[in-house]
N, C-alpha and C. Protein backbone atom coordinates (compact mmCIF):
# COMPACT_ATOMS: atom_id res chain seq x y z
N MET A 1 0.85 -1.19 0.00
CA MET A 1 0.00 0.00 0.00
C MET A 1 0.89 1.24 0.00
N LEU A 2 0.63 2.15 -0.93
CA LEU A 2 1.44 3.35 -1.04
C LEU A 2 1.04 4.37 0.02
N LYS A 3 2.04 4.98 0.63
CA LYS A 3 1.79 6.01 1.62
C LYS A 3 2.15 7.36 1.03
N THR A 4 1.24 8.30 1.24
CA THR A 4 1.49 9.65 0.75
C THR A 4 2.33 10.40 1.78
N ARG A 5 3.45 10.90 1.34
CA ARG A 5 4.34 11.62 2.24
C ARG A 5 4.25 13.12 1.97
N VAL A 6 4.15 13.87 3.05
CA VAL A 6 4.11 15.32 2.91
C VAL A 6 5.53 15.81 2.69
N PRO A 7 5.74 16.56 1.66
CA PRO A 7 7.09 17.06 1.41
C PRO A 7 7.62 17.82 2.61
N PHE A 8 8.92 17.72 2.83
CA PHE A 8 9.55 18.35 3.99
C PHE A 8 9.27 19.85 4.08
N PRO A 9 9.36 20.60 3.00
CA PRO A 9 9.08 22.04 3.12
C PRO A 9 7.69 22.34 3.65
N MET A 10 6.68 21.52 3.21
CA MET A 10 5.31 21.75 3.68
C MET A 10 5.20 21.47 5.17
N THR A 11 5.88 20.42 5.66
CA THR A 11 5.87 20.08 7.08
C THR A 11 6.48 21.21 7.89
N ALA A 12 7.56 21.77 7.39
CA ALA A 12 8.23 22.87 8.09
C ALA A 12 7.33 24.09 8.19
N VAL A 13 6.59 24.35 7.09
CA VAL A 13 5.67 25.48 7.09
C VAL A 13 4.59 25.30 8.14
N CYS A 14 4.03 24.08 8.23
CA CYS A 14 2.97 23.79 9.21
C CYS A 14 3.48 23.99 10.63
N VAL A 15 4.69 23.48 10.89
CA VAL A 15 5.27 23.63 12.22
C VAL A 15 5.47 25.11 12.56
N ALA A 16 5.93 25.86 11.57
CA ALA A 16 6.15 27.29 11.78
C ALA A 16 4.85 28.02 12.08
N VAL A 17 3.79 27.69 11.33
CA VAL A 17 2.49 28.33 11.53
C VAL A 17 1.95 28.01 12.92
N ILE A 18 2.06 26.73 13.32
CA ILE A 18 1.59 26.33 14.65
C ILE A 18 2.35 27.07 15.74
N GLY A 19 3.66 27.20 15.51
CA GLY A 19 4.49 27.92 16.49
C GLY A 19 4.07 29.36 16.61
N ILE A 20 3.78 30.00 15.48
CA ILE A 20 3.36 31.40 15.51
C ILE A 20 2.03 31.56 16.24
N VAL A 21 1.09 30.64 15.97
CA VAL A 21 -0.22 30.70 16.61
C VAL A 21 -0.10 30.59 18.12
N PHE A 22 0.65 29.57 18.58
CA PHE A 22 0.79 29.39 20.02
C PHE A 22 1.61 30.51 20.65
N GLY A 23 2.59 31.01 19.92
CA GLY A 23 3.38 32.13 20.43
C GLY A 23 2.54 33.37 20.59
N THR A 24 1.68 33.63 19.60
CA THR A 24 0.79 34.79 19.68
C THR A 24 -0.17 34.66 20.84
N PHE A 25 -0.70 33.44 21.06
CA PHE A 25 -1.62 33.18 22.16
C PHE A 25 -0.94 33.42 23.50
N ALA A 26 0.33 32.96 23.62
CA ALA A 26 1.07 33.14 24.86
C ALA A 26 1.33 34.61 25.14
N ILE A 27 1.68 35.37 24.09
CA ILE A 27 1.92 36.80 24.26
C ILE A 27 0.64 37.52 24.67
N ALA A 28 -0.49 37.11 24.05
CA ALA A 28 -1.78 37.72 24.38
C ALA A 28 -2.13 37.48 25.83
N GLN A 29 -1.83 36.25 26.32
CA GLN A 29 -2.10 35.95 27.72
C GLN A 29 -1.25 36.82 28.64
N GLN A 30 0.01 37.00 28.25
CA GLN A 30 0.91 37.80 29.07
C GLN A 30 0.51 39.27 29.09
N SER A 31 -0.05 39.76 27.96
CA SER A 31 -0.38 41.17 27.87
C SER A 31 -1.73 41.51 28.51
N THR A 32 -2.54 40.49 28.83
CA THR A 32 -3.82 40.74 29.48
C THR A 32 -3.56 41.13 30.93
N PRO A 33 -3.95 42.32 31.36
CA PRO A 33 -3.62 42.76 32.71
C PRO A 33 -4.42 42.00 33.77
N ALA A 34 -3.81 41.81 34.91
CA ALA A 34 -4.47 41.22 36.08
C ALA A 34 -4.48 42.28 37.17
N PHE A 35 -5.51 42.25 38.02
CA PHE A 35 -5.68 43.30 39.00
C PHE A 35 -5.81 42.74 40.41
N ASP A 36 -5.32 43.50 41.36
CA ASP A 36 -5.56 43.25 42.78
C ASP A 36 -6.60 44.26 43.24
N TYR A 37 -7.49 43.82 44.14
CA TYR A 37 -8.52 44.70 44.67
C TYR A 37 -8.44 44.75 46.19
N ARG A 38 -8.86 45.89 46.72
CA ARG A 38 -8.94 46.04 48.17
C ARG A 38 -10.26 46.74 48.50
N VAL A 39 -11.04 46.13 49.39
CA VAL A 39 -12.32 46.68 49.82
C VAL A 39 -12.16 47.23 51.23
N LEU A 40 -12.52 48.49 51.41
CA LEU A 40 -12.43 49.15 52.71
C LEU A 40 -13.84 49.50 53.18
N ALA A 41 -14.13 49.26 54.44
CA ALA A 41 -15.45 49.58 54.97
C ALA A 41 -15.32 50.01 56.42
N THR A 42 -15.94 51.12 56.76
CA THR A 42 -15.87 51.63 58.13
C THR A 42 -17.06 52.54 58.41
N ASN A 43 -17.41 52.68 59.68
CA ASN A 43 -18.48 53.61 60.05
C ASN A 43 -17.92 54.93 60.58
N LYS A 44 -16.60 55.11 60.41
CA LYS A 44 -15.96 56.36 60.81
C LYS A 44 -15.25 56.95 59.60
N THR A 45 -15.65 58.14 59.20
CA THR A 45 -15.06 58.74 58.00
C THR A 45 -13.58 59.06 58.19
N SER A 46 -13.18 59.39 59.41
CA SER A 46 -11.76 59.67 59.67
C SER A 46 -10.92 58.41 59.46
N THR A 47 -11.47 57.27 59.84
CA THR A 47 -10.78 56.00 59.63
C THR A 47 -10.65 55.69 58.15
N MET A 48 -11.68 56.01 57.37
CA MET A 48 -11.65 55.73 55.94
C MET A 48 -10.53 56.49 55.24
N GLU A 49 -10.35 57.76 55.57
CA GLU A 49 -9.27 58.52 54.93
C GLU A 49 -7.92 57.89 55.24
N LYS A 50 -7.70 57.47 56.46
CA LYS A 50 -6.44 56.83 56.86
C LYS A 50 -6.23 55.54 56.06
N GLU A 51 -7.28 54.72 55.93
CA GLU A 51 -7.14 53.45 55.22
C GLU A 51 -6.95 53.66 53.72
N LEU A 52 -7.59 54.68 53.16
CA LEU A 52 -7.39 55.00 51.74
C LEU A 52 -5.92 55.32 51.47
N ASN A 53 -5.31 56.11 52.33
CA ASN A 53 -3.93 56.51 52.11
C ASN A 53 -2.96 55.37 52.40
N GLU A 54 -3.29 54.51 53.32
CA GLU A 54 -2.45 53.33 53.57
C GLU A 54 -2.45 52.41 52.36
N ALA A 55 -3.63 52.20 51.76
CA ALA A 55 -3.71 51.36 50.56
C ALA A 55 -2.98 52.01 49.39
N ALA A 56 -3.07 53.34 49.29
CA ALA A 56 -2.40 54.06 48.21
C ALA A 56 -0.89 53.90 48.31
N GLN A 57 -0.36 53.80 49.51
CA GLN A 57 1.07 53.59 49.69
C GLN A 57 1.53 52.25 49.13
N SER A 58 0.60 51.30 49.02
CA SER A 58 0.91 49.99 48.45
C SER A 58 0.60 49.92 46.96
N GLY A 59 0.26 51.06 46.36
CA GLY A 59 0.03 51.11 44.91
C GLY A 59 -1.41 51.05 44.49
N PHE A 60 -2.34 50.99 45.43
CA PHE A 60 -3.76 50.92 45.08
C PHE A 60 -4.28 52.32 44.76
N ARG A 61 -5.30 52.35 43.86
CA ARG A 61 -5.93 53.61 43.48
C ARG A 61 -7.44 53.50 43.65
N PHE A 62 -8.04 54.57 44.12
CA PHE A 62 -9.48 54.59 44.39
C PHE A 62 -10.30 54.36 43.12
N ASP A 63 -11.38 53.54 43.25
CA ASP A 63 -12.30 53.29 42.14
C ASP A 63 -13.70 53.82 42.41
N HIS A 64 -14.28 53.43 43.55
CA HIS A 64 -15.69 53.80 43.78
C HIS A 64 -16.01 53.73 45.27
N ALA A 65 -17.02 54.53 45.69
CA ALA A 65 -17.47 54.55 47.08
C ALA A 65 -18.98 54.45 47.14
N MET A 66 -19.46 53.88 48.23
CA MET A 66 -20.90 53.78 48.45
C MET A 66 -21.18 53.74 49.94
N GLY A 67 -22.17 54.52 50.38
CA GLY A 67 -22.60 54.49 51.77
C GLY A 67 -23.90 53.73 51.89
N GLY A 68 -24.09 53.02 53.00
CA GLY A 68 -25.33 52.27 53.18
C GLY A 68 -25.31 51.42 54.43
N LYS A 69 -26.43 50.76 54.67
CA LYS A 69 -26.57 49.89 55.83
C LYS A 69 -25.97 48.52 55.54
N THR A 70 -25.22 47.98 56.51
CA THR A 70 -24.66 46.64 56.36
C THR A 70 -25.59 45.62 57.02
N ALA A 71 -25.25 44.34 56.88
CA ALA A 71 -26.06 43.28 57.45
C ALA A 71 -26.02 43.30 58.98
N PHE A 72 -25.06 44.02 59.53
CA PHE A 72 -24.93 44.08 60.99
C PHE A 72 -25.73 45.22 61.60
N GLY A 73 -26.48 45.95 60.74
CA GLY A 73 -27.36 46.99 61.25
C GLY A 73 -26.74 48.36 61.37
N GLY A 74 -25.51 48.49 60.95
CA GLY A 74 -24.86 49.78 61.04
C GLY A 74 -24.70 50.44 59.68
N SER A 75 -24.40 51.72 59.70
CA SER A 75 -24.18 52.46 58.47
C SER A 75 -22.69 52.54 58.22
N GLU A 76 -22.26 52.16 57.02
CA GLU A 76 -20.84 52.16 56.69
C GLU A 76 -20.60 52.85 55.35
N VAL A 77 -19.40 53.39 55.20
CA VAL A 77 -18.93 53.83 53.90
C VAL A 77 -18.00 52.74 53.38
N THR A 78 -18.29 52.24 52.19
CA THR A 78 -17.48 51.18 51.58
C THR A 78 -16.81 51.72 50.33
N THR A 79 -15.52 51.49 50.20
CA THR A 79 -14.80 51.90 49.01
C THR A 79 -14.06 50.72 48.41
N VAL A 80 -13.89 50.75 47.09
CA VAL A 80 -13.13 49.72 46.38
C VAL A 80 -11.93 50.39 45.72
N MET A 81 -10.75 49.78 45.91
CA MET A 81 -9.52 50.27 45.30
C MET A 81 -8.89 49.13 44.49
N SER A 82 -8.12 49.48 43.49
CA SER A 82 -7.50 48.45 42.65
C SER A 82 -6.11 48.88 42.23
N LYS A 83 -5.33 47.88 41.75
CA LYS A 83 -4.03 48.18 41.15
C LYS A 83 -3.69 47.09 40.15
N ASN A 84 -2.99 47.46 39.11
CA ASN A 84 -2.50 46.52 38.13
C ASN A 84 -1.37 45.72 38.78
N LYS A 85 -1.45 44.38 38.70
CA LYS A 85 -0.46 43.55 39.38
C LYS A 85 0.95 43.78 38.86
N SER A 86 1.06 44.20 37.61
CA SER A 86 2.39 44.40 37.04
C SER A 86 2.95 45.80 37.33
N ALA A 87 2.12 46.67 37.87
CA ALA A 87 2.56 48.03 38.15
C ALA A 87 3.35 48.07 39.45
N PRO A 88 4.33 48.97 39.54
CA PRO A 88 5.11 49.06 40.78
C PRO A 88 4.26 49.58 41.93
N SER A 89 4.55 49.10 43.12
CA SER A 89 3.85 49.58 44.31
C SER A 89 4.49 50.88 44.76
N SER A 90 3.74 51.93 44.67
CA SER A 90 4.29 53.24 45.04
C SER A 90 3.17 54.12 45.56
N GLY A 91 3.55 55.12 46.34
CA GLY A 91 2.56 56.04 46.89
C GLY A 91 2.37 57.25 46.00
N ARG A 92 2.00 57.03 44.75
CA ARG A 92 1.82 58.15 43.82
C ARG A 92 0.61 59.01 44.19
N TYR A 93 -0.44 58.36 44.72
CA TYR A 93 -1.69 59.09 44.97
C TYR A 93 -1.92 59.29 46.46
N ALA A 94 -2.53 60.42 46.77
CA ALA A 94 -2.94 60.72 48.15
C ALA A 94 -4.42 61.06 48.13
N TYR A 95 -5.10 60.79 49.24
CA TYR A 95 -6.55 60.97 49.28
C TYR A 95 -6.98 61.83 50.46
N LYS A 96 -8.06 62.55 50.21
CA LYS A 96 -8.69 63.37 51.23
C LYS A 96 -10.18 63.08 51.23
N LEU A 97 -10.74 62.80 52.40
CA LEU A 97 -12.16 62.51 52.52
C LEU A 97 -12.82 63.62 53.32
N LEU A 98 -13.86 64.21 52.74
CA LEU A 98 -14.61 65.28 53.39
C LEU A 98 -16.01 64.76 53.72
N ALA A 99 -16.48 65.05 54.94
CA ALA A 99 -17.82 64.59 55.35
C ALA A 99 -18.45 65.62 56.26
N THR A 100 -19.63 66.07 55.87
CA THR A 100 -20.35 67.04 56.69
C THR A 100 -21.81 67.10 56.28
N SER A 101 -22.65 67.55 57.20
CA SER A 101 -24.07 67.75 56.89
C SER A 101 -24.36 69.22 56.60
N LYS A 102 -23.32 70.06 56.66
CA LYS A 102 -23.47 71.49 56.40
C LYS A 102 -22.81 71.83 55.07
N THR A 103 -23.61 72.30 54.13
CA THR A 103 -23.09 72.57 52.79
C THR A 103 -22.08 73.71 52.79
N ALA A 104 -22.24 74.69 53.68
CA ALA A 104 -21.29 75.80 53.74
C ALA A 104 -19.91 75.30 54.15
N THR A 105 -19.90 74.36 55.10
CA THR A 105 -18.63 73.77 55.54
C THR A 105 -18.00 72.97 54.42
N MET A 106 -18.80 72.20 53.69
CA MET A 106 -18.29 71.39 52.59
C MET A 106 -17.70 72.25 51.49
N GLN A 107 -18.36 73.37 51.17
CA GLN A 107 -17.85 74.28 50.14
C GLN A 107 -16.46 74.78 50.49
N LYS A 108 -16.27 75.19 51.74
CA LYS A 108 -14.97 75.70 52.19
C LYS A 108 -13.91 74.61 52.14
N GLU A 109 -14.25 73.41 52.63
CA GLU A 109 -13.28 72.31 52.66
C GLU A 109 -12.92 71.84 51.26
N LEU A 110 -13.92 71.85 50.37
CA LEU A 110 -13.65 71.50 48.98
C LEU A 110 -12.65 72.47 48.35
N GLN A 111 -12.87 73.76 48.58
CA GLN A 111 -12.00 74.75 47.97
C GLN A 111 -10.59 74.70 48.55
N ASP A 112 -10.49 74.47 49.85
CA ASP A 112 -9.16 74.33 50.46
C ASP A 112 -8.40 73.18 49.82
N ALA A 113 -9.11 72.05 49.59
CA ALA A 113 -8.47 70.88 48.96
C ALA A 113 -8.13 71.17 47.50
N GLY A 114 -9.02 71.89 46.82
CA GLY A 114 -8.78 72.23 45.42
C GLY A 114 -7.55 73.11 45.25
N ASN A 115 -7.32 74.00 46.21
CA ASN A 115 -6.14 74.86 46.17
C ASN A 115 -4.85 74.05 46.32
N GLU A 116 -4.96 72.88 46.96
CA GLU A 116 -3.80 72.01 47.13
C GLU A 116 -3.61 71.07 45.93
N GLY A 117 -4.58 71.07 45.00
CA GLY A 117 -4.47 70.22 43.82
C GLY A 117 -5.26 68.93 43.89
N PHE A 118 -6.15 68.80 44.88
CA PHE A 118 -6.96 67.58 44.99
C PHE A 118 -8.11 67.62 43.98
N ASP A 119 -8.26 66.53 43.24
CA ASP A 119 -9.28 66.41 42.20
C ASP A 119 -10.44 65.55 42.70
N TYR A 120 -11.64 65.92 42.30
CA TYR A 120 -12.85 65.16 42.68
C TYR A 120 -12.81 63.75 42.11
N LYS A 121 -13.19 62.74 42.95
CA LYS A 121 -13.28 61.36 42.48
C LYS A 121 -14.68 60.78 42.63
N ASP A 122 -15.34 61.02 43.77
CA ASP A 122 -16.65 60.39 43.98
C ASP A 122 -17.33 61.04 45.18
N GLN A 123 -18.64 60.81 45.30
CA GLN A 123 -19.38 61.26 46.48
C GLN A 123 -20.49 60.28 46.78
N THR A 124 -20.85 60.19 48.06
CA THR A 124 -21.93 59.32 48.49
C THR A 124 -22.56 59.93 49.74
N VAL A 125 -23.51 59.22 50.35
CA VAL A 125 -24.20 59.71 51.54
C VAL A 125 -23.96 58.73 52.68
N PHE A 126 -23.65 59.26 53.83
CA PHE A 126 -23.35 58.47 55.02
C PHE A 126 -24.32 58.84 56.12
N ASP A 127 -24.98 57.85 56.71
CA ASP A 127 -25.96 58.07 57.77
C ASP A 127 -25.22 58.26 59.09
N SER A 128 -25.12 59.49 59.54
CA SER A 128 -24.35 59.80 60.75
C SER A 128 -25.13 59.45 62.01
N ALA A 129 -24.42 59.45 63.13
CA ALA A 129 -25.03 59.12 64.42
C ALA A 129 -25.81 60.30 64.99
N PHE A 130 -25.78 61.43 64.31
CA PHE A 130 -26.43 62.63 64.83
C PHE A 130 -27.84 62.84 64.27
N GLY A 131 -28.35 61.88 63.50
CA GLY A 131 -29.73 61.95 63.03
C GLY A 131 -29.89 62.48 61.63
N GLY A 132 -28.82 62.90 61.01
CA GLY A 132 -28.89 63.40 59.64
C GLY A 132 -27.89 62.69 58.75
N ASP A 133 -28.05 62.88 57.45
CA ASP A 133 -27.11 62.29 56.50
C ASP A 133 -25.94 63.23 56.26
N GLU A 134 -24.76 62.66 56.14
CA GLU A 134 -23.58 63.42 55.78
C GLU A 134 -23.22 63.13 54.33
N VAL A 135 -22.89 64.17 53.60
CA VAL A 135 -22.38 64.00 52.25
C VAL A 135 -20.88 63.72 52.36
N VAL A 136 -20.44 62.63 51.77
CA VAL A 136 -19.05 62.22 51.80
C VAL A 136 -18.45 62.42 50.42
N VAL A 137 -17.36 63.17 50.35
CA VAL A 137 -16.68 63.44 49.09
C VAL A 137 -15.24 62.93 49.19
N ILE A 138 -14.80 62.20 48.17
CA ILE A 138 -13.43 61.69 48.13
C ILE A 138 -12.66 62.39 47.03
N LEU A 139 -11.50 62.92 47.39
CA LEU A 139 -10.65 63.67 46.48
C LEU A 139 -9.29 63.00 46.35
N GLU A 140 -8.67 63.17 45.21
CA GLU A 140 -7.39 62.50 44.93
C GLU A 140 -6.33 63.50 44.48
N LEU A 141 -5.11 63.33 44.98
CA LEU A 141 -3.97 64.14 44.56
C LEU A 141 -2.97 63.24 43.84
N ASP A 142 -2.62 63.60 42.60
CA ASP A 142 -1.64 62.85 41.82
C ASP A 142 -0.27 63.47 42.01
N ARG A 143 0.55 62.85 42.85
CA ARG A 143 1.88 63.39 43.14
C ARG A 143 2.83 63.26 41.96
N GLY A 144 2.51 62.31 41.04
CA GLY A 144 3.41 62.07 39.92
C GLY A 144 3.02 62.79 38.65
N ALA A 145 2.04 63.67 38.71
CA ALA A 145 1.58 64.38 37.51
C ALA A 145 2.68 65.27 36.96
N ALA A 146 2.78 65.30 35.62
CA ALA A 146 3.80 66.12 34.97
C ALA A 146 3.57 67.60 35.24
N THR A 147 2.31 67.99 35.26
CA THR A 147 1.97 69.38 35.55
C THR A 147 1.03 69.43 36.75
N LYS A 148 1.24 70.36 37.62
CA LYS A 148 0.41 70.51 38.81
C LYS A 148 -0.84 71.31 38.48
N SER A 149 -1.98 70.79 38.92
CA SER A 149 -3.25 71.46 38.67
C SER A 149 -3.88 71.88 39.99
N ARG A 150 -4.65 72.96 39.92
CA ARG A 150 -5.47 73.38 41.05
C ARG A 150 -6.91 73.50 40.55
N TYR A 151 -7.87 73.40 41.46
CA TYR A 151 -9.27 73.35 41.04
C TYR A 151 -10.11 74.32 41.87
N GLU A 152 -11.09 74.89 41.20
CA GLU A 152 -12.10 75.70 41.87
C GLU A 152 -13.39 74.88 41.92
N TYR A 153 -13.96 74.78 43.10
CA TYR A 153 -15.17 73.97 43.29
C TYR A 153 -16.38 74.85 43.59
N LYS A 154 -17.52 74.37 43.16
CA LYS A 154 -18.79 75.02 43.48
C LYS A 154 -19.76 73.95 43.94
N LEU A 155 -20.34 74.14 45.12
CA LEU A 155 -21.30 73.20 45.66
C LEU A 155 -22.68 73.86 45.66
N LEU A 156 -23.64 73.17 45.07
CA LEU A 156 -25.01 73.66 45.00
C LEU A 156 -25.91 72.75 45.82
N SER A 157 -26.77 73.34 46.63
CA SER A 157 -27.65 72.55 47.49
C SER A 157 -29.04 73.16 47.50
N THR A 158 -30.04 72.33 47.20
CA THR A 158 -31.42 72.80 47.20
C THR A 158 -32.37 71.62 47.29
N SER A 159 -33.59 71.89 47.73
CA SER A 159 -34.63 70.86 47.80
C SER A 159 -35.54 70.90 46.58
N LYS A 160 -35.30 71.85 45.68
CA LYS A 160 -36.14 72.01 44.50
C LYS A 160 -35.32 71.74 43.23
N THR A 161 -35.79 70.82 42.41
CA THR A 161 -35.07 70.49 41.18
C THR A 161 -35.06 71.67 40.20
N SER A 162 -36.13 72.47 40.21
CA SER A 162 -36.16 73.62 39.31
C SER A 162 -35.08 74.64 39.69
N THR A 163 -34.86 74.79 40.99
CA THR A 163 -33.80 75.69 41.45
C THR A 163 -32.43 75.14 41.07
N MET A 164 -32.26 73.81 41.20
CA MET A 164 -31.00 73.18 40.84
C MET A 164 -30.71 73.37 39.36
N GLN A 165 -31.73 73.23 38.52
CA GLN A 165 -31.57 73.44 37.08
C GLN A 165 -31.03 74.83 36.80
N LYS A 166 -31.61 75.83 37.44
CA LYS A 166 -31.19 77.22 37.23
C LYS A 166 -29.75 77.44 37.71
N GLU A 167 -29.43 76.92 38.90
CA GLU A 167 -28.10 77.14 39.45
C GLU A 167 -27.03 76.37 38.68
N LEU A 168 -27.37 75.17 38.22
CA LEU A 168 -26.43 74.40 37.40
C LEU A 168 -26.11 75.15 36.11
N GLN A 169 -27.14 75.70 35.48
CA GLN A 169 -26.93 76.41 34.22
C GLN A 169 -26.06 77.64 34.42
N GLU A 170 -26.29 78.37 35.51
CA GLU A 170 -25.48 79.55 35.80
C GLU A 170 -24.02 79.17 36.03
N ALA A 171 -23.82 78.05 36.74
CA ALA A 171 -22.45 77.59 36.97
C ALA A 171 -21.81 77.12 35.67
N GLY A 172 -22.59 76.45 34.83
CA GLY A 172 -22.08 76.00 33.54
C GLY A 172 -21.67 77.15 32.65
N ASP A 173 -22.45 78.22 32.67
CA ASP A 173 -22.11 79.41 31.88
C ASP A 173 -20.81 80.04 32.36
N ALA A 174 -20.47 79.80 33.64
CA ALA A 174 -19.24 80.35 34.21
C ALA A 174 -18.06 79.40 34.03
N GLY A 175 -18.28 78.28 33.32
CA GLY A 175 -17.18 77.37 33.02
C GLY A 175 -17.03 76.20 33.97
N PHE A 176 -17.99 76.00 34.88
CA PHE A 176 -17.91 74.88 35.82
C PHE A 176 -18.48 73.60 35.19
N LYS A 177 -17.78 72.49 35.39
CA LYS A 177 -18.23 71.20 34.86
C LYS A 177 -18.83 70.37 35.99
N PHE A 178 -20.02 69.83 35.75
CA PHE A 178 -20.69 68.97 36.73
C PHE A 178 -19.90 67.68 36.93
N VAL A 179 -19.69 67.26 38.20
CA VAL A 179 -18.97 66.02 38.47
C VAL A 179 -19.75 65.02 39.30
N GLY A 180 -20.74 65.47 40.11
CA GLY A 180 -21.48 64.49 40.91
C GLY A 180 -22.65 65.08 41.65
N VAL A 181 -23.59 64.19 42.04
CA VAL A 181 -24.78 64.63 42.77
C VAL A 181 -25.21 63.54 43.75
N THR A 182 -25.73 63.95 44.89
CA THR A 182 -26.34 63.03 45.85
C THR A 182 -27.60 63.68 46.40
N VAL A 183 -28.53 62.86 46.86
CA VAL A 183 -29.74 63.35 47.53
C VAL A 183 -29.72 62.78 48.94
N SER A 184 -29.81 63.66 49.92
CA SER A 184 -29.69 63.20 51.30
C SER A 184 -30.68 63.91 52.21
N LYS A 185 -30.96 63.29 53.34
CA LYS A 185 -31.83 63.87 54.35
C LYS A 185 -30.95 64.61 55.35
N THR A 186 -31.18 65.88 55.53
CA THR A 186 -30.37 66.68 56.43
C THR A 186 -30.83 66.51 57.87
N ALA A 187 -30.04 67.06 58.79
CA ALA A 187 -30.39 67.00 60.21
C ALA A 187 -31.64 67.80 60.52
N PHE A 188 -32.06 68.65 59.60
CA PHE A 188 -33.25 69.48 59.81
C PHE A 188 -34.53 68.81 59.31
N GLY A 189 -34.41 67.57 58.76
CA GLY A 189 -35.58 66.81 58.39
C GLY A 189 -36.00 66.92 56.94
N GLY A 190 -35.27 67.67 56.14
CA GLY A 190 -35.63 67.82 54.73
C GLY A 190 -34.69 67.08 53.81
N LYS A 191 -35.13 66.89 52.58
CA LYS A 191 -34.31 66.25 51.56
C LYS A 191 -33.63 67.32 50.73
N GLU A 192 -32.34 67.18 50.54
CA GLU A 192 -31.59 68.13 49.74
C GLU A 192 -30.84 67.43 48.62
N MET A 193 -30.79 68.06 47.47
CA MET A 193 -29.98 67.60 46.35
C MET A 193 -28.68 68.40 46.40
N VAL A 194 -27.56 67.70 46.47
CA VAL A 194 -26.25 68.34 46.56
C VAL A 194 -25.46 68.01 45.30
N SER A 195 -25.16 69.03 44.51
CA SER A 195 -24.38 68.86 43.29
C SER A 195 -23.02 69.54 43.46
N ILE A 196 -22.00 68.91 42.89
CA ILE A 196 -20.65 69.47 42.93
C ILE A 196 -20.17 69.70 41.52
N LEU A 197 -19.59 70.87 41.29
CA LEU A 197 -19.03 71.23 40.00
C LEU A 197 -17.59 71.68 40.20
N ARG A 198 -16.81 71.63 39.13
CA ARG A 198 -15.38 71.90 39.24
C ARG A 198 -14.86 72.53 37.95
N LYS A 199 -13.86 73.40 38.09
CA LYS A 199 -13.12 73.84 36.92
C LYS A 199 -11.66 74.02 37.31
N GLU A 200 -10.79 73.77 36.34
CA GLU A 200 -9.35 73.87 36.60
C GLU A 200 -8.93 75.32 36.62
N ILE A 201 -8.07 75.64 37.57
CA ILE A 201 -7.58 77.01 37.72
C ILE A 201 -6.30 77.14 36.90
N ALA A 202 -6.27 78.09 36.00
CA ALA A 202 -5.08 78.31 35.18
C ALA A 202 -3.97 78.90 36.04
N GLU A 203 -2.76 78.36 35.88
CA GLU A 203 -1.61 78.86 36.64
C GLU A 203 -1.05 80.13 35.99
């Protein structure tokens, strides 16, 4: 019985093609990033800022925050941080957490942080022990940025959406960009919509 033999050059081509395919697959696997995550949860906002900065020292960067009731019956602020496993562990980022039920206080603290170069990242609502909701704002400072930026913040607070529409438009006309909003119950028993806007300050 005659056997058909594949010419040597054709065999070499097949081996080469298979090698390229598997090599490409291996490179693709290596180039797919893997991530480490860290979940932080506490019922004390001062503790959260400390833990955010401790995680940042290990190379983690803030992703998202949420306030709410846990299964244990308490109110907690929970944040998620992540880092690329292949990235070096360094303290490039620093964090500042602001929490208050008084919008005037928040406006001042936001601006003080903006003057230092802290950029808005997220906001949520935290149920404080004093009977009202606190608006929690998380800000980030990039120590490794090529150019240093400063920010001007504007905080708008009202119980009427029509008023918020008007104030947002006025701020937008002045160059402020909307970055976040929360609705919370204040210590005075009313519901307030709190919006934060920001614009970069030219050096």
